[in-house]
Amino acid sequence: LVERDPRLIFVPGHGDVVQALELGVPT
């Protein structure tokens, strides 16, 4: 395990997180 965040807040498209989350979460 390398990441554990119980409440990560971001706006997809703003570049705040890795691309897997940028692209995946909006689906």
PDB file of all heavy atoms in Angstrom:
ATOM      1  N   LEU A   1       0.841  -1.194   0.000  1.00  0.00           N
ATOM      2  CA  LEU A   1       0.000   0.000   0.000  1.00  0.00           C
ATOM      3  C   LEU A   1       0.874   1.240   0.000  1.00  0.00           C
ATOM      4  O   LEU A   1       1.749   1.396   0.850  1.00  0.00           O
ATOM      5  CB  LEU A   1      -0.910  -0.011   1.232  1.00  0.00           C
ATOM      6  CG  LEU A   1      -2.076   0.973   1.240  1.00  0.00           C
ATOM      7  CD1 LEU A   1      -3.073   0.636   0.151  1.00  0.00           C
ATOM      8  CD2 LEU A   1      -2.769   0.958   2.599  1.00  0.00           C
ATOM      9  N   VAL A   2       0.647   2.139  -0.950  1.00  0.00           N
ATOM     10  CA  VAL A   2       1.450   3.360  -1.032  1.00  0.00           C
ATOM     11  C   VAL A   2       0.608   4.613  -0.826  1.00  0.00           C
ATOM     12  O   VAL A   2       1.150   5.690  -0.594  1.00  0.00           O
ATOM     13  CB  VAL A   2       2.195   3.455  -2.384  1.00  0.00           C
ATOM     14  CG1 VAL A   2       3.248   2.364  -2.490  1.00  0.00           C
ATOM     15  CG2 VAL A   2       1.232   3.402  -3.558  1.00  0.00           C
ATOM     16  N   GLU A   3      -0.707   4.491  -0.956  1.00  0.00           N
ATOM     17  CA  GLU A   3      -1.577   5.650  -0.765  1.00  0.00           C
ATOM     18  C   GLU A   3      -2.809   5.242   0.038  1.00  0.00           C
ATOM     19  O   GLU A   3      -3.400   4.182  -0.209  1.00  0.00           O
ATOM     20  CB  GLU A   3      -2.029   6.231  -2.102  1.00  0.00           C
ATOM     21  CG  GLU A   3      -0.985   7.045  -2.821  1.00  0.00           C
ATOM     22  CD  GLU A   3      -1.605   7.918  -3.897  1.00  0.00           C
ATOM     23  OE1 GLU A   3      -2.310   8.881  -3.548  1.00  0.00           O
ATOM     24  OE2 GLU A   3      -1.374   7.626  -5.071  1.00  0.00           O
ATOM     25  N   ARG A   4      -3.174   6.086   0.980  1.00  0.00           N
ATOM     26  CA  ARG A   4      -4.420   5.894   1.720  1.00  0.00           C
ATOM     27  C   ARG A   4      -4.934   7.274   2.097  1.00  0.00           C
ATOM     28  O   ARG A   4      -4.312   7.981   2.892  1.00  0.00           O
ATOM     29  CB  ARG A   4      -4.196   5.054   2.991  1.00  0.00           C
ATOM     30  CG  ARG A   4      -5.492   4.776   3.773  1.00  0.00           C
ATOM     31  CD  ARG A   4      -5.177   4.304   5.193  1.00  0.00           C
ATOM     32  NE  ARG A   4      -4.424   3.070   5.205  1.00  0.00           N
ATOM     33  CZ  ARG A   4      -4.986   1.860   5.205  1.00  0.00           C
ATOM     34  NH1 ARG A   4      -6.295   1.747   5.195  1.00  0.00           N
ATOM     35  NH2 ARG A   4      -4.231   0.778   5.232  1.00  0.00           N
ATOM     36  N   ASP A   5      -6.040   7.678   1.494  1.00  0.00           N
ATOM     37  CA  ASP A   5      -6.632   8.977   1.793  1.00  0.00           C
ATOM     38  C   ASP A   5      -8.131   8.787   1.966  1.00  0.00           C
ATOM     39  O   ASP A   5      -8.844   8.465   1.008  1.00  0.00           O
ATOM     40  CB  ASP A   5      -6.358   9.969   0.668  1.00  0.00           C
ATOM     41  CG  ASP A   5      -6.614  11.414   1.093  1.00  0.00           C
ATOM     42  OD1 ASP A   5      -7.568  11.643   1.866  1.00  0.00           O
ATOM     43  OD2 ASP A   5      -5.870  12.303   0.650  1.00  0.00           O
ATOM     44  N   PRO A   6      -8.638   8.972   3.196  1.00  0.00           N
ATOM     45  CA  PRO A   6     -10.063   8.741   3.425  1.00  0.00           C
ATOM     46  C   PRO A   6     -10.963   9.790   2.789  1.00  0.00           C
ATOM     47  O   PRO A   6     -12.154   9.546   2.610  1.00  0.00           O
ATOM     48  CB  PRO A   6     -10.181   8.772   4.951  1.00  0.00           C
ATOM     49  CG  PRO A   6      -9.026   9.595   5.401  1.00  0.00           C
ATOM     50  CD  PRO A   6      -7.929   9.332   4.431  1.00  0.00           C
ATOM     51  N   ARG A   7     -10.413  10.964   2.450  1.00  0.00           N
ATOM     52  CA  ARG A   7     -11.232  12.007   1.819  1.00  0.00           C
ATOM     53  C   ARG A   7     -10.325  12.944   1.002  1.00  0.00           C
ATOM     54  O   ARG A   7      -9.926  13.989   1.477  1.00  0.00           O
ATOM     55  CB  ARG A   7     -12.021  12.785   2.866  1.00  0.00           C
ATOM     56  CG  ARG A   7     -13.162  13.613   2.266  1.00  0.00           C
ATOM     57  CD  ARG A   7     -14.059  14.212   3.345  1.00  0.00           C
ATOM     58  NE  ARG A   7     -15.227  14.841   2.752  1.00  0.00           N
ATOM     59  CZ  ARG A   7     -16.353  14.232   2.419  1.00  0.00           C
ATOM     60  NH1 ARG A   7     -16.461  12.925   2.647  1.00  0.00           N
ATOM     61  NH2 ARG A   7     -17.372  14.879   1.887  1.00  0.00           N
ATOM     62  N   LEU A   8     -10.048  12.541  -0.204  1.00  0.00           N
ATOM     63  CA  LEU A   8      -9.261  13.352  -1.117  1.00  0.00           C
ATOM     64  C   LEU A   8     -10.221  14.252  -1.901  1.00  0.00           C
ATOM     65  O   LEU A   8     -11.179  13.770  -2.513  1.00  0.00           O
ATOM     66  CB  LEU A   8      -8.469  12.457  -2.067  1.00  0.00           C
ATOM     67  CG  LEU A   8      -7.672  13.149  -3.174  1.00  0.00           C
ATOM     68  CD1 LEU A   8      -6.584  14.039  -2.597  1.00  0.00           C
ATOM     69  CD2 LEU A   8      -7.082  12.113  -4.121  1.00  0.00           C
ATOM     70  N   ILE A   9      -9.969  15.551  -1.899  1.00  0.00           N
ATOM     71  CA  ILE A   9     -10.842  16.522  -2.563  1.00  0.00           C
ATOM     72  C   ILE A   9     -10.073  17.153  -3.723  1.00  0.00           C
ATOM     73  O   ILE A   9      -8.948  17.641  -3.543  1.00  0.00           O
ATOM     74  CB  ILE A   9     -11.303  17.606  -1.567  1.00  0.00           C
ATOM     75  CG1 ILE A   9     -12.075  16.967  -0.407  1.00  0.00           C
ATOM     76  CG2 ILE A   9     -12.172  18.647  -2.258  1.00  0.00           C
ATOM     77  CD1 ILE A   9     -12.392  17.940   0.721  1.00  0.00           C
ATOM     78  N   PHE A  10     -10.684  17.153  -4.918  1.00  0.00           N
ATOM     79  CA  PHE A  10     -10.022  17.775  -6.069  1.00  0.00           C
ATOM     80  C   PHE A  10     -11.064  18.083  -7.144  1.00  0.00           C
ATOM     81  O   PHE A  10     -12.217  17.631  -7.083  1.00  0.00           O
ATOM     82  CB  PHE A  10      -8.923  16.874  -6.629  1.00  0.00           C
ATOM     83  CG  PHE A  10      -9.400  15.564  -7.229  1.00  0.00           C
ATOM     84  CD1 PHE A  10      -9.584  15.441  -8.601  1.00  0.00           C
ATOM     85  CD2 PHE A  10      -9.639  14.466  -6.425  1.00  0.00           C
ATOM     86  CE1 PHE A  10     -10.011  14.246  -9.158  1.00  0.00           C
ATOM     87  CE2 PHE A  10     -10.079  13.261  -6.975  1.00  0.00           C
ATOM     88  CZ  PHE A  10     -10.263  13.153  -8.349  1.00  0.00           C
ATOM     89  N   VAL A  11     -10.653  18.881  -8.112  1.00  0.00           N
ATOM     90  CA  VAL A  11     -11.483  19.193  -9.279  1.00  0.00           C
ATOM     91  C   VAL A  11     -10.850  18.494 -10.476  1.00  0.00           C
ATOM     92  O   VAL A  11      -9.727  18.835 -10.866  1.00  0.00           O
ATOM     93  CB  VAL A  11     -11.562  20.716  -9.521  1.00  0.00           C
ATOM     94  CG1 VAL A  11     -12.385  21.007 -10.781  1.00  0.00           C
ATOM     95  CG2 VAL A  11     -12.168  21.429  -8.320  1.00  0.00           C
ATOM     96  N   PRO A  12     -11.507  17.504 -11.062  1.00  0.00           N
ATOM     97  CA  PRO A  12     -10.921  16.851 -12.239  1.00  0.00           C
ATOM     98  C   PRO A  12     -10.606  17.863 -13.332  1.00  0.00           C
ATOM     99  O   PRO A  12     -11.402  18.753 -13.640  1.00  0.00           O
ATOM    100  CB  PRO A  12     -12.041  15.890 -12.687  1.00  0.00           C
ATOM    101  CG  PRO A  12     -12.789  15.571 -11.425  1.00  0.00           C
ATOM    102  CD  PRO A  12     -12.774  16.866 -10.647  1.00  0.00           C
ATOM    103  N   GLY A  13      -9.405  17.722 -13.893  1.00  0.00           N
ATOM    104  CA  GLY A  13      -8.954  18.650 -14.911  1.00  0.00           C
ATOM    105  C   GLY A  13      -8.014  19.722 -14.400  1.00  0.00           C
ATOM    106  O   GLY A  13      -7.379  20.404 -15.192  1.00  0.00           O
ATOM    107  N   HIS A  14      -7.927  19.868 -13.067  1.00  0.00           N
ATOM    108  CA  HIS A  14      -7.041  20.887 -12.506  1.00  0.00           C
ATOM    109  C   HIS A  14      -5.614  20.385 -12.291  1.00  0.00           C
ATOM    110  O   HIS A  14      -4.748  21.162 -11.904  1.00  0.00           O
ATOM    111  CB  HIS A  14      -7.609  21.386 -11.170  1.00  0.00           C
ATOM    112  CG  HIS A  14      -8.679  22.417 -11.331  1.00  0.00           C
ATOM    113  ND1 HIS A  14      -9.160  23.171 -10.291  1.00  0.00           N
ATOM    114  CD2 HIS A  14      -9.355  22.821 -12.429  1.00  0.00           C
ATOM    115  CE1 HIS A  14     -10.100  23.992 -10.741  1.00  0.00           C
ATOM    116  NE2 HIS A  14     -10.234  23.798 -12.025  1.00  0.00           N
ATOM    117  N   GLY A  15      -5.363  19.116 -12.514  1.00  0.00           N
ATOM    118  CA  GLY A  15      -4.009  18.602 -12.354  1.00  0.00           C
ATOM    119  C   GLY A  15      -3.595  18.387 -10.913  1.00  0.00           C
ATOM    120  O   GLY A  15      -2.402  18.324 -10.619  1.00  0.00           O
ATOM    121  N   ASP A  16      -4.560  18.267 -10.007  1.00  0.00           N
ATOM    122  CA  ASP A  16      -4.225  18.114  -8.588  1.00  0.00           C
ATOM    123  C   ASP A  16      -3.895  16.678  -8.209  1.00  0.00           C
ATOM    124  O   ASP A  16      -3.376  16.442  -7.113  1.00  0.00           O
ATOM    125  CB  ASP A  16      -5.394  18.590  -7.716  1.00  0.00           C
ATOM    126  CG  ASP A  16      -5.619  20.087  -7.814  1.00  0.00           C
ATOM    127  OD1 ASP A  16      -4.645  20.793  -8.131  1.00  0.00           O
ATOM    128  OD2 ASP A  16      -6.740  20.535  -7.578  1.00  0.00           O
ATOM    129  N   VAL A  17      -4.231  15.709  -9.054  1.00  0.00           N
ATOM    130  CA  VAL A  17      -4.038  14.293  -8.739  1.00  0.00           C
ATOM    131  C   VAL A  17      -3.469  13.599  -9.969  1.00  0.00           C
ATOM    132  O   VAL A  17      -3.362  14.188 -11.055  1.00  0.00           O
ATOM    133  CB  VAL A  17      -5.370  13.627  -8.322  1.00  0.00           C
ATOM    134  CG1 VAL A  17      -5.886  14.206  -7.010  1.00  0.00           C
ATOM    135  CG2 VAL A  17      -6.429  13.777  -9.407  1.00  0.00           C
ATOM    136  N   VAL A  18      -3.107  12.324  -9.813  1.00  0.00           N
ATOM    137  CA  VAL A  18      -2.568  11.561 -10.946  1.00  0.00           C
ATOM    138  C   VAL A  18      -3.649  11.402 -12.014  1.00  0.00           C
ATOM    139  O   VAL A  18      -4.852  11.473 -11.741  1.00  0.00           O
ATOM    140  CB  VAL A  18      -2.041  10.188 -10.493  1.00  0.00           C
ATOM    141  CG1 VAL A  18      -0.880  10.340  -9.528  1.00  0.00           C
ATOM    142  CG2 VAL A  18      -3.154   9.344  -9.874  1.00  0.00           C
ATOM    143  N   GLN A  19      -3.225  11.142 -13.238  1.00  0.00           N
ATOM    144  CA  GLN A  19      -4.155  11.102 -14.363  1.00  0.00           C
ATOM    145  C   GLN A  19      -5.168   9.976 -14.249  1.00  0.00           C
ATOM    146  O   GLN A  19      -6.291  10.101 -14.748  1.00  0.00           O
ATOM    147  CB  GLN A  19      -3.389  10.973 -15.675  1.00  0.00           C
ATOM    148  CG  GLN A  19      -2.866  12.303 -16.206  1.00  0.00           C
ATOM    149  CD  GLN A  19      -2.453  12.182 -17.662  1.00  0.00           C
ATOM    150  OE1 GLN A  19      -1.691  11.300 -18.023  1.00  0.00           O
ATOM    151  NE2 GLN A  19      -2.946  13.074 -18.485  1.00  0.00           N
ATOM    152  N   ALA A  20      -4.798   8.876 -13.601  1.00  0.00           N
ATOM    153  CA  ALA A  20      -5.757   7.781 -13.437  1.00  0.00           C
ATOM    154  C   ALA A  20      -7.008   8.261 -12.718  1.00  0.00           C
ATOM    155  O   ALA A  20      -8.129   7.888 -13.079  1.00  0.00           O
ATOM    156  CB  ALA A  20      -5.113   6.629 -12.663  1.00  0.00           C
ATOM    157  N   LEU A  21      -6.833   9.101 -11.712  1.00  0.00           N
ATOM    158  CA  LEU A  21      -7.985   9.636 -10.987  1.00  0.00           C
ATOM    159  C   LEU A  21      -8.654  10.757 -11.779  1.00  0.00           C
ATOM    160  O   LEU A  21      -9.881  10.883 -11.784  1.00  0.00           O
ATOM    161  CB  LEU A  21      -7.551  10.134  -9.612  1.00  0.00           C
ATOM    162  CG  LEU A  21      -6.897   9.104  -8.700  1.00  0.00           C
ATOM    163  CD1 LEU A  21      -6.578   9.717  -7.336  1.00  0.00           C
ATOM    164  CD2 LEU A  21      -7.795   7.880  -8.523  1.00  0.00           C
ATOM    165  N   GLU A  22      -7.859  11.602 -12.449  1.00  0.00           N
ATOM    166  CA  GLU A  22      -8.421  12.678 -13.276  1.00  0.00           C
ATOM    167  C   GLU A  22      -9.382  12.105 -14.321  1.00  0.00           C
ATOM    168  O   GLU A  22     -10.444  12.672 -14.583  1.00  0.00           O
ATOM    169  CB  GLU A  22      -7.292  13.420 -14.002  1.00  0.00           C
ATOM    170  CG  GLU A  22      -6.389  14.240 -13.112  1.00  0.00           C
ATOM    171  CD  GLU A  22      -6.813  15.697 -13.065  1.00  0.00           C
ATOM    172  OE1 GLU A  22      -7.909  16.021 -13.515  1.00  0.00           O
ATOM    173  OE2 GLU A  22      -6.013  16.502 -12.563  1.00  0.00           O
ATOM    174  N   LEU A  23      -8.993  10.986 -14.932  1.00  0.00           N
ATOM    175  CA  LEU A  23      -9.777  10.406 -16.011  1.00  0.00           C
ATOM    176  C   LEU A  23     -10.846   9.447 -15.512  1.00  0.00           C
ATOM    177  O   LEU A  23     -11.923   9.327 -16.107  1.00  0.00           O
ATOM    178  CB  LEU A  23      -8.850   9.663 -16.985  1.00  0.00           C
ATOM    179  CG  LEU A  23      -7.784  10.508 -17.684  1.00  0.00           C
ATOM    180  CD1 LEU A  23      -6.821   9.613 -18.464  1.00  0.00           C
ATOM    181  CD2 LEU A  23      -8.430  11.510 -18.622  1.00  0.00           C
ATOM    182  N   GLY A  24     -10.550   8.757 -14.426  1.00  0.00           N
ATOM    183  CA  GLY A  24     -11.458   7.707 -13.969  1.00  0.00           C
ATOM    184  C   GLY A  24     -12.635   8.197 -13.151  1.00  0.00           C
ATOM    185  O   GLY A  24     -13.773   7.735 -13.337  1.00  0.00           O
ATOM    186  N   VAL A  25     -12.385   9.123 -12.233  1.00  0.00           N
ATOM    187  CA  VAL A  25     -13.453   9.540 -11.319  1.00  0.00           C
ATOM    188  C   VAL A  25     -14.646  10.154 -12.055  1.00  0.00           C
ATOM    189  O   VAL A  25     -15.792   9.910 -11.671  1.00  0.00           O
ATOM    190  CB  VAL A  25     -12.882  10.491 -10.242  1.00  0.00           C
ATOM    191  CG1 VAL A  25     -13.996  11.123  -9.420  1.00  0.00           C
ATOM    192  CG2 VAL A  25     -11.931   9.716  -9.324  1.00  0.00           C
ATOM    193  N   PRO A  26     -14.456  10.954 -13.134  1.00  0.00           N
ATOM    194  CA  PRO A  26     -15.632  11.492 -13.826  1.00  0.00           C
ATOM    195  C   PRO A  26     -16.543  10.438 -14.448  1.00  0.00           C
ATOM    196  O   PRO A  26     -17.657  10.764 -14.863  1.00  0.00           O
ATOM    197  CB  PRO A  26     -15.023  12.387 -14.912  1.00  0.00           C
ATOM    198  CG  PRO A  26     -13.711  12.818 -14.337  1.00  0.00           C
ATOM    199  CD  PRO A  26     -13.216  11.588 -13.619  1.00  0.00           C
ATOM    200  N   THR A  27     -16.100   9.166 -14.531  1.00  0.00           N
ATOM    201  CA  THR A  27     -16.962   8.110 -15.060  1.00  0.00           C
ATOM    202  C   THR A  27     -17.816   7.477 -13.969  1.00  0.00           C
ATOM    203  O   THR A  27     -18.640   6.606 -14.272  1.00  0.00           O
ATOM    204  CB  THR A  27     -16.122   7.002 -15.720  1.00  0.00           C
ATOM    205  OG1 THR A  27     -15.413   6.266 -14.705  1.00  0.00           O
ATOM    206  CG2 THR A  27     -15.120   7.586 -16.711  1.00  0.00           C
TER     207      THR A  27
END
